[in-house]
Each structure stands twice: as structure tokens, then as C-alpha cells.
């Protein structure tokens, strides 16, 4: 089960600086990351995909990657 921790706005960009990109899903507009220090797994997503350019991105903490 995934948690409800979501990071947006300025905090989104600050958090991305410490993450390592793991995989890109070009079909679903998702980018998967891991925080090497905490081992947390994150997914970058665009929840307002109907907006121009996919809307504002957000990072969501997940318990595991879909391929695990």
C-alpha cells in the first residue's frame, strides 16, 4: 500500500535534487526515483494530465516500484 506523502511546488524541486532516477515510463508520464540515503522510493507524476503540458508535477512516496 502506498503512503499519502506528496511533495509539490518548491519542495518538489528541492527533493528531486537528492533523488536518483531509476526508470522512466513514457506511456504513463511517470518517473521513478530512489533516495539513496533513506532508501525511500518516489514516483514523479502529473495528476492534472488534462492540463497543458500535463499540469504541475508532484512526487509521491511509494512503498515499492510496480515491477517489484
C-alpha atoms as a PDB file:
ATOM      1  CA  UNK A   1       0.000   0.000   0.000  1.00  0.00           C
ATOM      2  CA  UNK A   2       1.331   3.443  -0.904  1.00  0.00           C
ATOM      3  CA  UNK A   3       1.507   6.273   1.589  1.00  0.00           C
ATOM      4  CA  UNK A   4      -0.146   9.663   1.268  1.00  0.00           C
ATOM      5  CA  UNK A   5       3.064  11.704   1.315  1.00  0.00           C
ATOM      6  CA  UNK A   6       3.034  14.043  -1.674  1.00  0.00           C
ATOM      7  CA  UNK A   7       5.528  16.825  -2.398  1.00  0.00           C
ATOM      8  CA  UNK A   8       4.657  19.745  -4.702  1.00  0.00           C
ATOM      9  CA  UNK A   9       5.899  23.191  -5.622  1.00  0.00           C
ATOM     10  CA  UNK A  10       9.303  24.388  -4.421  1.00  0.00           C
ATOM     11  CA  UNK A  11       9.681  21.353  -2.146  1.00  0.00           C
ATOM     12  CA  UNK A  12       9.258  19.142  -5.239  1.00  0.00           C
ATOM     13  CA  UNK A  13      12.344  20.634  -6.889  1.00  0.00           C
ATOM     14  CA  UNK A  14      14.385  20.559  -3.670  1.00  0.00           C
ATOM     15  CA  UNK A  15      13.585  16.881  -3.095  1.00  0.00           C
ATOM     16  CA  UNK A  16      14.405  15.930  -6.713  1.00  0.00           C
ATOM     17  CA  UNK A  17      17.956  17.211  -6.178  1.00  0.00           C
ATOM     18  CA  UNK A  18      18.668  14.351  -3.745  1.00  0.00           C
ATOM     19  CA  UNK A  19      16.948  11.581  -5.707  1.00  0.00           C
ATOM     20  CA  UNK A  20      18.406   9.099  -8.186  1.00  0.00           C
ATOM     21  CA  UNK A  21      16.337   8.370 -11.287  1.00  0.00           C
ATOM     22  CA  UNK A  22      15.611   4.652 -11.648  1.00  0.00           C
ATOM     23  CA  UNK A  23      13.188   4.315 -14.568  1.00  0.00           C
ATOM     24  CA  UNK A  24      11.038   6.398 -16.916  1.00  0.00           C
ATOM     25  CA  UNK A  25       7.563   5.312 -18.022  1.00  0.00           C
ATOM     26  CA  UNK A  26       6.924   7.425 -21.134  1.00  0.00           C
ATOM     27  CA  UNK A  27       3.484   5.916 -21.729  1.00  0.00           C
ATOM     28  CA  UNK A  28       2.045   6.924 -18.348  1.00  0.00           C
ATOM     29  CA  UNK A  29       4.204  10.032 -17.771  1.00  0.00           C
ATOM     30  CA  UNK A  30       5.857   8.627 -14.636  1.00  0.00           C
ATOM     31  CA  UNK A  31       9.451   8.815 -13.431  1.00  0.00           C
ATOM     32  CA  UNK A  32      10.653   6.556 -10.624  1.00  0.00           C
ATOM     33  CA  UNK A  33      13.336   7.604  -8.137  1.00  0.00           C
ATOM     34  CA  UNK A  34      15.085   6.319  -5.050  1.00  0.00           C
ATOM     35  CA  UNK A  35      16.610   8.314  -2.229  1.00  0.00           C
ATOM     36  CA  UNK A  36      19.951   6.554  -1.742  1.00  0.00           C
ATOM     37  CA  UNK A  37      20.270   7.879   1.819  1.00  0.00           C
ATOM     38  CA  UNK A  38      16.846   6.863   3.168  1.00  0.00           C
ATOM     39  CA  UNK A  39      16.050   4.136   0.587  1.00  0.00           C
ATOM     40  CA  UNK A  40      12.642   5.765   0.062  1.00  0.00           C
ATOM     41  CA  UNK A  41      11.002   5.176  -3.294  1.00  0.00           C
ATOM     42  CA  UNK A  42       9.309   8.039  -5.104  1.00  0.00           C
ATOM     43  CA  UNK A  43       7.320   8.495  -8.286  1.00  0.00           C
ATOM     44  CA  UNK A  44       7.080  11.766 -10.201  1.00  0.00           C
ATOM     45  CA  UNK A  45       3.614  12.117 -11.668  1.00  0.00           C
ATOM     46  CA  UNK A  46       1.317  14.646 -13.300  1.00  0.00           C
ATOM     47  CA  UNK A  47      -2.090  14.318 -11.603  1.00  0.00           C
ATOM     48  CA  UNK A  48      -3.696  17.004 -13.791  1.00  0.00           C
ATOM     49  CA  UNK A  49      -2.733  15.409 -17.089  1.00  0.00           C
ATOM     50  CA  UNK A  50      -5.634  17.111 -18.852  1.00  0.00           C
ATOM     51  CA  UNK A  51      -3.903  20.490 -18.299  1.00  0.00           C
ATOM     52  CA  UNK A  52      -1.485  21.923 -20.860  1.00  0.00           C
ATOM     53  CA  UNK A  53       1.891  20.192 -20.515  1.00  0.00           C
ATOM     54  CA  UNK A  54       0.476  17.724 -18.003  1.00  0.00           C
ATOM     55  CA  UNK A  55      -0.022  20.288 -15.255  1.00  0.00           C
ATOM     56  CA  UNK A  56       2.190  20.739 -12.222  1.00  0.00           C
ATOM     57  CA  UNK A  57       4.311  17.694 -11.300  1.00  0.00           C
ATOM     58  CA  UNK A  58       4.385  16.102  -7.871  1.00  0.00           C
ATOM     59  CA  UNK A  59       6.427  13.478  -6.078  1.00  0.00           C
ATOM     60  CA  UNK A  60       4.567  10.709  -4.262  1.00  0.00           C
ATOM     61  CA  UNK A  61       6.220   8.369  -1.781  1.00  0.00           C
ATOM     62  CA  UNK A  62       5.545   4.722  -2.662  1.00  0.00           C
ATOM     63  CA  UNK A  63       6.198   1.512  -0.767  1.00  0.00           C
ATOM     64  CA  UNK A  64       7.515  -0.378  -3.792  1.00  0.00           C
ATOM     65  CA  UNK A  65       8.039   0.020  -7.517  1.00  0.00           C
ATOM     66  CA  UNK A  66       5.404  -1.547  -9.825  1.00  0.00           C
ATOM     67  CA  UNK A  67       7.923  -4.069 -11.161  1.00  0.00           C
ATOM     68  CA  UNK A  68       8.863  -5.363  -7.692  1.00  0.00           C
END
